[in-house]
Amino acid sequence: MIARSYRRPLWVIAALVFLALTVWYGLTRFSKAEPIDIEVIIKSTDDSIEFWQVMKSGIEVAANEFGAHVEVTGSRTEADVDEQIALVAQAMDKKPDAIILAANDSSRLVPVSELAAKRGIDFFIVDSGIDSDIAKSIVATDNIKAGQEAGMQMRRQLHVPGKVAIIKHVQTAASLKDREKGVRSILEGEKGITLLETFDAEGQQENAYEITKKLIREQPDLSGIVGLNEPASVGAGQAIREMNLQDRIKLIGFDSSKNEIKLLEEGVMQATIIQKPFQMGYLSIKTAVDAIRHRSVPKDIDTGSLVITKQNMYDEENQKLLFPYYDK
């Protein structure tokens, strides 16, 4: 029998060449990933608020690690919602690959944020969200749970009947709304505890200080204050320290600034609920980069919270969280 030579049909050869070129193009494109542009709009660029400075450190580390070009902007104060809306609009006009927002107002930021998503910009939330489901991923503390932890700490501190006040930094931020819900879910209806209204510091630590002094004067049976973020907690602590009432009025705070650590050491603040702003910043960039590169990302990323007291603040693991600038 004479062996026949076998020749592939031309269409098969053409298909194989096309497949090889496609694979080669894909590998080349992947190995030379295009630069990724990300706009991050935080609540405030106020350098006195350490929370945002730590978050920016996490953003910077992730941007360098994942090769992203990141620009961070923010309003001057957390109460300036109009400025933040304008910043989102300006970011959208730059046509970045992604916008990451820590929203000052859960409702008023919705229209401009939804417009950005409609224009094909990947949209993400860090720290504090909006009343819309457009975000591809939300990187934040479980704020209701964190508020409950604050409420439980206050309940443990109160040994006699008394009144408890809550001080917010701003009224409209979703993160603070959730923390308030958490605190109230623990303390409302608790025997011997009268929970007062929530007081708005309108974005200023000085206002929290003045609110606390007024409360102390007008409520002689005031037993406790819960500050829902760093400026509210520090302002309240300054007033309690100045009036030498740390033995009578218990303070539970949020966050882990140097001023709050000092308040813990002095016994002015009994506990603070710390978040992980470095991780928030780092993971928000990582998640955005993954999504832009068509990798699956979780809808919700809880970065966690922890109760810090004078008794546990010196533990090695807690020290890493209290000073997290280079800890991922």
C-alpha atoms as a PDB file:
ATOM      1  CA  MET A   1       0.000   0.000   0.000  1.00  0.00           C
ATOM      2  CA  ILE A   2       1.323   3.437  -0.869  1.00  0.00           C
ATOM      3  CA  ALA A   3       1.131   5.968   2.016  1.00  0.00           C
ATOM      4  CA  ARG A   4      -0.683   9.176   1.174  1.00  0.00           C
ATOM      5  CA  SER A   5       0.684  12.546   2.242  1.00  0.00           C
ATOM      6  CA  TYR A   6      -1.881  14.436   4.350  1.00  0.00           C
ATOM      7  CA  ARG A   7      -2.380  18.136   3.843  1.00  0.00           C
ATOM      8  CA  ARG A   8      -4.525  20.288   6.125  1.00  0.00           C
ATOM      9  CA  PRO A   9      -7.235  22.284   4.347  1.00  0.00           C
ATOM     10  CA  LEU A  10      -6.393  25.949   3.943  1.00  0.00           C
ATOM     11  CA  TRP A  11      -9.277  27.006   6.224  1.00  0.00           C
ATOM     12  CA  VAL A  12      -7.826  24.912   9.058  1.00  0.00           C
ATOM     13  CA  ILE A  13      -4.405  26.513   8.622  1.00  0.00           C
ATOM     14  CA  ALA A  14      -5.971  29.969   8.564  1.00  0.00           C
ATOM     15  CA  ALA A  15      -7.959  29.226  11.746  1.00  0.00           C
ATOM     16  CA  LEU A  16      -4.822  28.034  13.549  1.00  0.00           C
ATOM     17  CA  VAL A  17      -2.899  31.138  12.505  1.00  0.00           C
ATOM     18  CA  PHE A  18      -5.768  33.368  13.682  1.00  0.00           C
ATOM     19  CA  LEU A  19      -5.925  31.533  17.023  1.00  0.00           C
ATOM     20  CA  ALA A  20      -2.172  31.874  17.524  1.00  0.00           C
ATOM     21  CA  LEU A  21      -2.285  35.594  16.745  1.00  0.00           C
ATOM     22  CA  THR A  22      -5.215  36.079  19.137  1.00  0.00           C
ATOM     23  CA  VAL A  23      -3.393  34.312  21.951  1.00  0.00           C
ATOM     24  CA  TRP A  24      -0.215  36.251  21.239  1.00  0.00           C
ATOM     25  CA  TYR A  25      -2.110  39.580  21.232  1.00  0.00           C
ATOM     26  CA  GLY A  26      -3.861  38.719  24.474  1.00  0.00           C
ATOM     27  CA  LEU A  27      -0.658  37.734  26.223  1.00  0.00           C
ATOM     28  CA  THR A  28       1.136  40.811  24.940  1.00  0.00           C
ATOM     29  CA  ARG A  29      -1.702  43.094  26.036  1.00  0.00           C
ATOM     30  CA  PHE A  30      -1.835  41.452  29.477  1.00  0.00           C
ATOM     31  CA  SER A  31       1.919  41.688  29.966  1.00  0.00           C
ATOM     32  CA  LYS A  32       1.835  45.366  28.980  1.00  0.00           C
ATOM     33  CA  ALA A  33      -1.220  46.380  30.956  1.00  0.00           C
ATOM     34  CA  GLU A  34      -2.502  49.825  30.105  1.00  0.00           C
ATOM     35  CA  PRO A  35      -2.216  52.439  32.871  1.00  0.00           C
ATOM     36  CA  ILE A  36      -5.266  52.604  35.123  1.00  0.00           C
ATOM     37  CA  ASP A  37      -6.596  56.002  36.164  1.00  0.00           C
ATOM     38  CA  ILE A  38      -8.542  56.174  39.432  1.00  0.00           C
ATOM     39  CA  GLU A  39     -10.120  59.223  41.059  1.00  0.00           C
ATOM     40  CA  VAL A  40     -10.666  58.979  44.827  1.00  0.00           C
ATOM     41  CA  ILE A  41     -12.926  61.511  46.560  1.00  0.00           C
ATOM     42  CA  ILE A  42     -12.696  61.340  50.357  1.00  0.00           C
ATOM     43  CA  LYS A  43     -14.884  63.170  52.870  1.00  0.00           C
ATOM     44  CA  SER A  44     -12.314  65.746  53.900  1.00  0.00           C
ATOM     45  CA  THR A  45      -8.772  66.885  53.191  1.00  0.00           C
ATOM     46  CA  ASP A  46      -8.496  68.369  56.688  1.00  0.00           C
ATOM     47  CA  ASP A  47      -4.985  67.327  57.779  1.00  0.00           C
ATOM     48  CA  SER A  48      -6.001  67.425  61.439  1.00  0.00           C
ATOM     49  CA  ILE A  49      -8.231  64.351  60.966  1.00  0.00           C
ATOM     50  CA  GLU A  50      -5.838  61.410  61.096  1.00  0.00           C
ATOM     51  CA  PHE A  51      -8.378  58.901  59.753  1.00  0.00           C
ATOM     52  CA  TRP A  52      -8.145  60.345  56.241  1.00  0.00           C
ATOM     53  CA  GLN A  53      -4.375  60.683  56.386  1.00  0.00           C
ATOM     54  CA  VAL A  54      -4.044  56.991  57.239  1.00  0.00           C
ATOM     55  CA  MET A  55      -6.476  56.044  54.466  1.00  0.00           C
ATOM     56  CA  LYS A  56      -4.425  58.074  51.974  1.00  0.00           C
ATOM     57  CA  SER A  57      -1.324  56.137  53.050  1.00  0.00           C
ATOM     58  CA  GLY A  58      -3.102  52.872  52.195  1.00  0.00           C
ATOM     59  CA  ILE A  59      -4.199  54.292  48.844  1.00  0.00           C
ATOM     60  CA  GLU A  60      -0.651  55.341  48.003  1.00  0.00           C
ATOM     61  CA  VAL A  61       0.827  51.933  48.860  1.00  0.00           C
ATOM     62  CA  ALA A  62      -1.768  50.122  46.727  1.00  0.00           C
ATOM     63  CA  ALA A  63      -1.375  52.539  43.811  1.00  0.00           C
ATOM     64  CA  ASN A  64       2.379  51.868  43.714  1.00  0.00           C
ATOM     65  CA  GLU A  65       1.906  48.125  44.108  1.00  0.00           C
ATOM     66  CA  PHE A  66      -0.717  47.732  41.386  1.00  0.00           C
ATOM     67  CA  GLY A  67       0.602  50.313  38.957  1.00  0.00           C
ATOM     68  CA  ALA A  68      -2.388  52.635  39.074  1.00  0.00           C
ATOM     69  CA  HIS A  69      -2.391  56.399  38.633  1.00  0.00           C
ATOM     70  CA  VAL A  70      -4.494  57.682  41.530  1.00  0.00           C
ATOM     71  CA  GLU A  71      -5.570  61.213  42.369  1.00  0.00           C
ATOM     72  CA  VAL A  72      -7.094  61.888  45.804  1.00  0.00           C
ATOM     73  CA  THR A  73      -9.337  64.898  46.373  1.00  0.00           C
ATOM     74  CA  GLY A  74     -11.877  65.836  49.018  1.00  0.00           C
ATOM     75  CA  SER A  75     -13.943  68.685  50.349  1.00  0.00           C
ATOM     76  CA  ARG A  76     -12.461  70.986  52.971  1.00  0.00           C
ATOM     77  CA  THR A  77     -14.831  69.718  55.646  1.00  0.00           C
ATOM     78  CA  GLU A  78     -17.112  66.700  55.905  1.00  0.00           C
ATOM     79  CA  ALA A  79     -20.097  69.048  56.103  1.00  0.00           C
ATOM     80  CA  ASP A  80     -19.433  70.588  52.672  1.00  0.00           C
ATOM     81  CA  VAL A  81     -21.647  68.374  50.517  1.00  0.00           C
ATOM     82  CA  ASP A  82     -21.878  70.843  47.613  1.00  0.00           C
ATOM     83  CA  GLU A  83     -18.101  70.822  47.197  1.00  0.00           C
ATOM     84  CA  GLN A  84     -18.013  67.031  47.188  1.00  0.00           C
ATOM     85  CA  ILE A  85     -20.732  66.880  44.517  1.00  0.00           C
ATOM     86  CA  ALA A  86     -18.645  69.264  42.395  1.00  0.00           C
ATOM     87  CA  LEU A  87     -15.548  67.100  42.921  1.00  0.00           C
ATOM     88  CA  VAL A  88     -17.359  63.975  41.689  1.00  0.00           C
ATOM     89  CA  ALA A  89     -18.518  65.916  38.595  1.00  0.00           C
ATOM     90  CA  GLN A  90     -14.955  67.107  37.939  1.00  0.00           C
ATOM     91  CA  ALA A  91     -13.622  63.579  38.368  1.00  0.00           C
ATOM     92  CA  MET A  92     -16.214  62.257  35.931  1.00  0.00           C
ATOM     93  CA  ASP A  93     -15.168  64.823  33.297  1.00  0.00           C
ATOM     94  CA  LYS A  94     -11.598  63.431  33.439  1.00  0.00           C
ATOM     95  CA  LYS A  95     -12.992  60.085  32.171  1.00  0.00           C
ATOM     96  CA  PRO A  96     -11.049  57.881  34.591  1.00  0.00           C
ATOM     97  CA  ASP A  97     -11.361  54.106  34.673  1.00  0.00           C
ATOM     98  CA  ALA A  98     -12.859  54.267  38.166  1.00  0.00           C
ATOM     99  CA  ILE A  99     -14.176  56.631  40.820  1.00  0.00           C
ATOM    100  CA  ILE A 100     -13.949  55.709  44.507  1.00  0.00           C
ATOM    101  CA  LEU A 101     -16.153  57.786  46.808  1.00  0.00           C
ATOM    102  CA  ALA A 102     -16.450  58.213  50.570  1.00  0.00           C
ATOM    103  CA  ALA A 103     -19.775  60.048  50.558  1.00  0.00           C
ATOM    104  CA  ASN A 104     -20.533  62.975  52.859  1.00  0.00           C
ATOM    105  CA  ASP A 105     -24.257  62.685  52.165  1.00  0.00           C
ATOM    106  CA  SER A 106     -26.013  59.400  51.460  1.00  0.00           C
ATOM    107  CA  SER A 107     -28.792  60.948  49.332  1.00  0.00           C
ATOM    108  CA  ARG A 108     -27.472  64.129  47.721  1.00  0.00           C
ATOM    109  CA  LEU A 109     -24.476  62.326  46.146  1.00  0.00           C
ATOM    110  CA  VAL A 110     -26.759  59.863  44.347  1.00  0.00           C
ATOM    111  CA  PRO A 111     -27.549  61.790  41.094  1.00  0.00           C
ATOM    112  CA  VAL A 112     -23.961  62.699  40.202  1.00  0.00           C
ATOM    113  CA  SER A 113     -22.710  59.233  41.184  1.00  0.00           C
ATOM    114  CA  GLU A 114     -25.331  57.482  39.040  1.00  0.00           C
ATOM    115  CA  LEU A 115     -24.451  59.764  36.134  1.00  0.00           C
ATOM    116  CA  ALA A 116     -20.802  58.699  36.413  1.00  0.00           C
ATOM    117  CA  ALA A 117     -21.820  55.027  36.333  1.00  0.00           C
ATOM    118  CA  LYS A 118     -24.062  55.629  33.302  1.00  0.00           C
ATOM    119  CA  ARG A 119     -21.067  57.063  31.468  1.00  0.00           C
ATOM    120  CA  GLY A 120     -19.259  53.759  31.882  1.00  0.00           C
ATOM    121  CA  ILE A 121     -16.986  54.695  34.778  1.00  0.00           C
ATOM    122  CA  ASP A 122     -16.574  51.897  37.317  1.00  0.00           C
ATOM    123  CA  PHE A 123     -17.904  53.197  40.637  1.00  0.00           C
ATOM    124  CA  PHE A 124     -16.831  52.105  44.132  1.00  0.00           C
ATOM    125  CA  ILE A 125     -17.586  53.120  47.711  1.00  0.00           C
ATOM    126  CA  VAL A 126     -15.086  53.351  50.553  1.00  0.00           C
ATOM    127  CA  ASP A 127     -16.014  54.042  54.194  1.00  0.00           C
ATOM    128  CA  SER A 128     -19.455  55.614  53.650  1.00  0.00           C
ATOM    129  CA  GLY A 129     -22.033  54.891  50.969  1.00  0.00           C
ATOM    130  CA  ILE A 130     -25.004  56.347  49.120  1.00  0.00           C
ATOM    131  CA  ASP A 131     -28.654  55.385  48.727  1.00  0.00           C
ATOM    132  CA  SER A 132     -28.037  53.568  45.458  1.00  0.00           C
ATOM    133  CA  ASP A 133     -26.830  50.123  44.399  1.00  0.00           C
ATOM    134  CA  ILE A 134     -24.543  51.272  41.590  1.00  0.00           C
ATOM    135  CA  ALA A 135     -21.243  50.561  43.362  1.00  0.00           C
ATOM    136  CA  LYS A 136     -19.402  47.516  42.067  1.00  0.00           C
ATOM    137  CA  SER A 137     -17.935  47.052  45.535  1.00  0.00           C
ATOM    138  CA  ILE A 138     -18.222  48.675  48.971  1.00  0.00           C
ATOM    139  CA  VAL A 139     -15.116  48.658  51.177  1.00  0.00           C
ATOM    140  CA  ALA A 140     -16.098  49.728  54.678  1.00  0.00           C
ATOM    141  CA  THR A 141     -16.617  48.914  58.328  1.00  0.00           C
ATOM    142  CA  ASP A 142     -19.866  47.169  59.268  1.00  0.00           C
ATOM    143  CA  ASN A 143     -20.998  50.367  60.962  1.00  0.00           C
ATOM    144  CA  ILE A 144     -24.162  49.016  62.584  1.00  0.00           C
ATOM    145  CA  LYS A 145     -22.099  46.310  64.259  1.00  0.00           C
ATOM    146  CA  ALA A 146     -19.457  48.866  65.277  1.00  0.00           C
ATOM    147  CA  GLY A 147     -22.184  51.069  66.761  1.00  0.00           C
ATOM    148  CA  GLN A 148     -23.504  48.107  68.722  1.00  0.00           C
ATOM    149  CA  GLU A 149     -20.011  47.530  70.113  1.00  0.00           C
ATOM    150  CA  ALA A 150     -19.919  51.161  71.247  1.00  0.00           C
ATOM    151  CA  GLY A 151     -23.348  50.787  72.862  1.00  0.00           C
ATOM    152  CA  MET A 152     -22.278  47.654  74.725  1.00  0.00           C
ATOM    153  CA  GLN A 153     -19.140  49.383  75.990  1.00  0.00           C
ATOM    154  CA  MET A 154     -21.218  52.277  77.307  1.00  0.00           C
ATOM    155  CA  ARG A 155     -23.663  49.888  78.971  1.00  0.00           C
ATOM    156  CA  ARG A 156     -20.764  48.178  80.757  1.00  0.00           C
ATOM    157  CA  GLN A 157     -19.428  51.502  82.028  1.00  0.00           C
ATOM    158  CA  LEU A 158     -22.677  52.811  83.538  1.00  0.00           C
ATOM    159  CA  HIS A 159     -23.222  51.585  87.097  1.00  0.00           C
ATOM    160  CA  VAL A 160     -25.932  54.084  88.073  1.00  0.00           C
ATOM    161  CA  PRO A 161     -29.017  55.457  86.298  1.00  0.00           C
ATOM    162  CA  GLY A 162     -28.198  58.375  84.054  1.00  0.00           C
ATOM    163  CA  LYS A 163     -28.439  60.059  80.682  1.00  0.00           C
ATOM    164  CA  VAL A 164     -26.385  59.293  77.591  1.00  0.00           C
ATOM    165  CA  ALA A 165     -25.879  61.611  74.605  1.00  0.00           C
ATOM    166  CA  ILE A 166     -24.652  60.807  71.099  1.00  0.00           C
ATOM    167  CA  ILE A 167     -22.574  63.322  69.136  1.00  0.00           C
ATOM    168  CA  LYS A 168     -22.284  63.052  65.355  1.00  0.00           C
ATOM    169  CA  HIS A 169     -19.793  64.844  63.164  1.00  0.00           C
ATOM    170  CA  VAL A 170     -22.351  65.297  60.363  1.00  0.00           C
ATOM    171  CA  GLN A 171     -25.985  64.238  60.091  1.00  0.00           C
ATOM    172  CA  THR A 172     -26.026  62.964  56.532  1.00  0.00           C
ATOM    173  CA  ALA A 173     -23.174  60.431  56.250  1.00  0.00           C
ATOM    174  CA  ALA A 174     -24.392  56.843  55.901  1.00  0.00           C
ATOM    175  CA  SER A 175     -21.585  55.504  58.100  1.00  0.00           C
ATOM    176  CA  LEU A 176     -22.609  57.727  61.019  1.00  0.00           C
ATOM    177  CA  LYS A 177     -26.301  56.975  60.529  1.00  0.00           C
ATOM    178  CA  ASP A 178     -25.537  53.267  60.820  1.00  0.00           C
ATOM    179  CA  ARG A 179     -23.359  53.746  63.893  1.00  0.00           C
ATOM    180  CA  GLU A 180     -26.150  55.681  65.567  1.00  0.00           C
ATOM    181  CA  LYS A 181     -28.594  52.873  64.756  1.00  0.00           C
ATOM    182  CA  GLY A 182     -26.189  50.398  66.324  1.00  0.00           C
ATOM    183  CA  VAL A 183     -25.745  52.431  69.523  1.00  0.00           C
ATOM    184  CA  ARG A 184     -29.474  53.001  69.905  1.00  0.00           C
ATOM    185  CA  SER A 185     -30.290  49.328  69.302  1.00  0.00           C
ATOM    186  CA  ILE A 186     -28.279  48.498  72.434  1.00  0.00           C
ATOM    187  CA  LEU A 187     -29.129  51.385  74.780  1.00  0.00           C
ATOM    188  CA  GLU A 188     -32.752  52.215  73.958  1.00  0.00           C
ATOM    189  CA  GLY A 189     -35.054  50.665  76.533  1.00  0.00           C
ATOM    190  CA  GLU A 190     -32.136  49.729  78.796  1.00  0.00           C
ATOM    191  CA  LYS A 191     -33.204  50.014  82.418  1.00  0.00           C
ATOM    192  CA  GLY A 192     -31.777  53.080  84.145  1.00  0.00           C
ATOM    193  CA  ILE A 193     -30.491  54.678  80.902  1.00  0.00           C
ATOM    194  CA  THR A 194     -32.159  57.699  79.311  1.00  0.00           C
ATOM    195  CA  LEU A 195     -30.886  58.123  75.756  1.00  0.00           C
ATOM    196  CA  LEU A 196     -30.934  61.772  74.684  1.00  0.00           C
ATOM    197  CA  GLU A 197     -31.217  63.076  71.141  1.00  0.00           C
ATOM    198  CA  THR A 198     -28.275  62.955  68.781  1.00  0.00           C
ATOM    199  CA  PHE A 199     -26.323  66.200  68.527  1.00  0.00           C
ATOM    200  CA  ASP A 200     -24.775  67.368  65.240  1.00  0.00           C
ATOM    201  CA  ALA A 201     -21.296  68.915  65.379  1.00  0.00           C
ATOM    202  CA  GLU A 202     -21.699  70.093  61.763  1.00  0.00           C
ATOM    203  CA  GLY A 203     -18.279  68.892  60.710  1.00  0.00           C
ATOM    204  CA  GLN A 204     -16.301  70.723  63.382  1.00  0.00           C
ATOM    205  CA  GLN A 205     -14.402  69.336  66.372  1.00  0.00           C
ATOM    206  CA  GLU A 206     -14.829  72.703  68.113  1.00  0.00           C
ATOM    207  CA  ASN A 207     -18.606  72.301  67.856  1.00  0.00           C
ATOM    208  CA  ALA A 208     -18.410  68.892  69.562  1.00  0.00           C
ATOM    209  CA  TYR A 209     -16.409  70.551  72.347  1.00  0.00           C
ATOM    210  CA  GLU A 210     -19.016  73.317  72.799  1.00  0.00           C
ATOM    211  CA  ILE A 211     -21.938  70.863  72.602  1.00  0.00           C
ATOM    212  CA  THR A 212     -20.381  68.783  75.376  1.00  0.00           C
ATOM    213  CA  LYS A 213     -19.831  71.776  77.659  1.00  0.00           C
ATOM    214  CA  LYS A 214     -23.439  72.883  77.133  1.00  0.00           C
ATOM    215  CA  LEU A 215     -24.737  69.363  77.799  1.00  0.00           C
ATOM    216  CA  ILE A 216     -22.775  69.164  81.052  1.00  0.00           C
ATOM    217  CA  ARG A 217     -24.196  72.497  82.208  1.00  0.00           C
ATOM    218  CA  GLU A 218     -27.794  71.682  81.238  1.00  0.00           C
ATOM    219  CA  GLN A 219     -27.858  67.977  82.148  1.00  0.00           C
ATOM    220  CA  PRO A 220     -26.424  67.563  85.673  1.00  0.00           C
ATOM    221  CA  ASP A 221     -27.232  63.837  85.568  1.00  0.00           C
ATOM    222  CA  LEU A 222     -25.393  63.262  82.293  1.00  0.00           C
ATOM    223  CA  SER A 223     -23.480  59.998  82.680  1.00  0.00           C
ATOM    224  CA  GLY A 224     -22.121  59.194  79.234  1.00  0.00           C
ATOM    225  CA  ILE A 225     -21.325  60.416  75.739  1.00  0.00           C
ATOM    226  CA  VAL A 226     -20.771  58.390  72.575  1.00  0.00           C
ATOM    227  CA  GLY A 227     -18.763  60.192  69.883  1.00  0.00           C
ATOM    228  CA  LEU A 228     -19.404  58.652  66.473  1.00  0.00           C
ATOM    229  CA  ASN A 229     -16.072  59.563  64.869  1.00  0.00           C
ATOM    230  CA  GLU A 230     -12.676  61.104  65.579  1.00  0.00           C
ATOM    231  CA  PRO A 231     -13.545  64.841  65.762  1.00  0.00           C
ATOM    232  CA  ALA A 232     -16.735  64.229  67.762  1.00  0.00           C
ATOM    233  CA  SER A 233     -14.868  62.002  70.208  1.00  0.00           C
ATOM    234  CA  VAL A 234     -11.887  64.315  70.613  1.00  0.00           C
ATOM    235  CA  GLY A 235     -14.050  67.422  71.041  1.00  0.00           C
ATOM    236  CA  ALA A 236     -16.136  65.714  73.723  1.00  0.00           C
ATOM    237  CA  GLY A 237     -13.005  64.408  75.448  1.00  0.00           C
ATOM    238  CA  GLN A 238     -11.414  67.853  75.552  1.00  0.00           C
ATOM    239  CA  ALA A 239     -14.477  69.285  77.301  1.00  0.00           C
ATOM    240  CA  ILE A 240     -14.662  66.440  79.839  1.00  0.00           C
ATOM    241  CA  ARG A 241     -10.936  66.765  80.607  1.00  0.00           C
ATOM    242  CA  GLU A 242     -11.105  70.560  80.906  1.00  0.00           C
ATOM    243  CA  MET A 243     -14.026  70.321  83.357  1.00  0.00           C
ATOM    244  CA  ASN A 244     -12.298  67.488  85.261  1.00  0.00           C
ATOM    245  CA  LEU A 245     -15.358  65.223  84.981  1.00  0.00           C
ATOM    246  CA  GLN A 246     -13.743  62.007  83.727  1.00  0.00           C
ATOM    247  CA  ASP A 247     -14.799  60.173  86.899  1.00  0.00           C
ATOM    248  CA  ARG A 248     -18.442  61.110  86.393  1.00  0.00           C
ATOM    249  CA  ILE A 249     -18.962  61.122  82.612  1.00  0.00           C
ATOM    250  CA  LYS A 250     -18.001  58.067  80.574  1.00  0.00           C
ATOM    251  CA  LEU A 251     -16.838  58.582  76.995  1.00  0.00           C
ATOM    252  CA  ILE A 252     -16.904  55.964  74.241  1.00  0.00           C
ATOM    253  CA  GLY A 253     -15.378  57.084  70.965  1.00  0.00           C
ATOM    254  CA  PHE A 254     -14.586  56.016  67.419  1.00  0.00           C
ATOM    255  CA  ASP A 255     -11.243  55.862  65.602  1.00  0.00           C
ATOM    256  CA  SER A 256      -7.643  55.930  66.793  1.00  0.00           C
ATOM    257  CA  SER A 257      -6.011  59.323  66.420  1.00  0.00           C
ATOM    258  CA  LYS A 258      -3.094  60.322  68.642  1.00  0.00           C
ATOM    259  CA  ASN A 259      -5.444  62.588  70.572  1.00  0.00           C
ATOM    260  CA  GLU A 260      -7.795  59.687  71.256  1.00  0.00           C
ATOM    261  CA  ILE A 261      -4.943  57.445  72.364  1.00  0.00           C
ATOM    262  CA  LYS A 262      -3.954  60.162  74.829  1.00  0.00           C
ATOM    263  CA  LEU A 263      -7.553  60.395  76.087  1.00  0.00           C
ATOM    264  CA  LEU A 264      -7.493  56.629  76.699  1.00  0.00           C
ATOM    265  CA  GLU A 265      -4.190  56.811  78.553  1.00  0.00           C
ATOM    266  CA  GLU A 266      -5.518  59.625  80.754  1.00  0.00           C
ATOM    267  CA  GLY A 267      -8.726  57.751  81.551  1.00  0.00           C
ATOM    268  CA  VAL A 268     -10.906  60.457  79.959  1.00  0.00           C
ATOM    269  CA  MET A 269     -12.096  58.001  77.300  1.00  0.00           C
ATOM    270  CA  GLN A 270     -13.003  54.492  78.452  1.00  0.00           C
ATOM    271  CA  ALA A 271     -13.011  52.812  75.028  1.00  0.00           C
ATOM    272  CA  THR A 272     -12.798  53.601  71.349  1.00  0.00           C
ATOM    273  CA  ILE A 273     -14.016  51.556  68.399  1.00  0.00           C
ATOM    274  CA  ILE A 274     -11.201  51.530  65.905  1.00  0.00           C
ATOM    275  CA  GLN A 275     -11.558  50.953  62.203  1.00  0.00           C
ATOM    276  CA  LYS A 276      -8.880  50.099  59.678  1.00  0.00           C
ATOM    277  CA  PRO A 277      -8.525  53.121  57.381  1.00  0.00           C
ATOM    278  CA  PHE A 278      -5.206  51.944  55.942  1.00  0.00           C
ATOM    279  CA  GLN A 279      -6.817  48.677  54.849  1.00  0.00           C
ATOM    280  CA  MET A 280      -9.841  50.559  53.516  1.00  0.00           C
ATOM    281  CA  GLY A 281      -7.637  52.693  51.300  1.00  0.00           C
ATOM    282  CA  TYR A 282      -5.467  49.789  50.194  1.00  0.00           C
ATOM    283  CA  LEU A 283      -8.352  47.416  49.452  1.00  0.00           C
ATOM    284  CA  SER A 284     -10.408  50.041  47.652  1.00  0.00           C
ATOM    285  CA  ILE A 285      -7.614  50.519  45.102  1.00  0.00           C
ATOM    286  CA  LYS A 286      -6.907  46.793  44.821  1.00  0.00           C
ATOM    287  CA  THR A 287     -10.596  46.048  44.290  1.00  0.00           C
ATOM    288  CA  ALA A 288     -10.964  48.762  41.656  1.00  0.00           C
ATOM    289  CA  VAL A 289      -7.901  47.506  39.761  1.00  0.00           C
ATOM    290  CA  ASP A 290      -9.210  43.915  39.876  1.00  0.00           C
ATOM    291  CA  ALA A 291     -12.610  44.984  38.534  1.00  0.00           C
ATOM    292  CA  ILE A 292     -11.087  47.081  35.745  1.00  0.00           C
ATOM    293  CA  ARG A 293      -9.017  44.045  34.729  1.00  0.00           C
ATOM    294  CA  HIS A 294     -12.226  41.986  34.595  1.00  0.00           C
ATOM    295  CA  ARG A 295     -11.600  39.969  37.721  1.00  0.00           C
ATOM    296  CA  SER A 296     -14.455  39.057  40.010  1.00  0.00           C
ATOM    297  CA  VAL A 297     -14.766  41.311  43.086  1.00  0.00           C
ATOM    298  CA  PRO A 298     -17.033  40.943  46.133  1.00  0.00           C
ATOM    299  CA  LYS A 299     -19.941  43.338  46.475  1.00  0.00           C
ATOM    300  CA  ASP A 300     -19.207  44.047  50.156  1.00  0.00           C
ATOM    301  CA  ILE A 301     -15.829  44.009  51.900  1.00  0.00           C
ATOM    302  CA  ASP A 302     -16.023  44.436  55.678  1.00  0.00           C
ATOM    303  CA  THR A 303     -12.670  45.758  56.890  1.00  0.00           C
ATOM    304  CA  GLY A 304     -13.659  45.102  60.519  1.00  0.00           C
ATOM    305  CA  SER A 305     -13.612  47.013  63.793  1.00  0.00           C
ATOM    306  CA  LEU A 306     -12.144  46.432  67.241  1.00  0.00           C
ATOM    307  CA  VAL A 307     -12.761  47.710  70.768  1.00  0.00           C
ATOM    308  CA  ILE A 308      -9.660  49.348  72.246  1.00  0.00           C
ATOM    309  CA  THR A 309      -9.413  50.166  75.950  1.00  0.00           C
ATOM    310  CA  LYS A 310      -6.619  51.318  78.261  1.00  0.00           C
ATOM    311  CA  GLN A 311      -6.223  47.679  79.289  1.00  0.00           C
ATOM    312  CA  ASN A 312      -5.627  46.245  75.801  1.00  0.00           C
ATOM    313  CA  MET A 313      -4.150  49.191  73.891  1.00  0.00           C
ATOM    314  CA  TYR A 314      -0.568  48.066  74.586  1.00  0.00           C
ATOM    315  CA  ASP A 315      -1.046  44.547  73.168  1.00  0.00           C
ATOM    316  CA  GLU A 316       1.308  43.993  70.240  1.00  0.00           C
ATOM    317  CA  GLU A 317      -1.449  43.237  67.733  1.00  0.00           C
ATOM    318  CA  ASN A 318      -3.439  46.281  68.809  1.00  0.00           C
ATOM    319  CA  GLN A 319      -0.380  48.501  68.534  1.00  0.00           C
ATOM    320  CA  LYS A 320      -0.158  47.521  64.856  1.00  0.00           C
ATOM    321  CA  LEU A 321      -3.742  48.672  64.373  1.00  0.00           C
ATOM    322  CA  LEU A 322      -3.291  51.880  66.343  1.00  0.00           C
ATOM    323  CA  PHE A 323      -0.261  52.777  64.223  1.00  0.00           C
ATOM    324  CA  PRO A 324      -1.129  51.171  60.855  1.00  0.00           C
ATOM    325  CA  TYR A 325       0.714  53.323  58.340  1.00  0.00           C
ATOM    326  CA  TYR A 326       2.702  50.462  56.859  1.00  0.00           C
ATOM    327  CA  ASP A 327       0.545  47.524  57.936  1.00  0.00           C
ATOM    328  CA  LYS A 328      -1.640  45.953  55.277  1.00  0.00           C
END
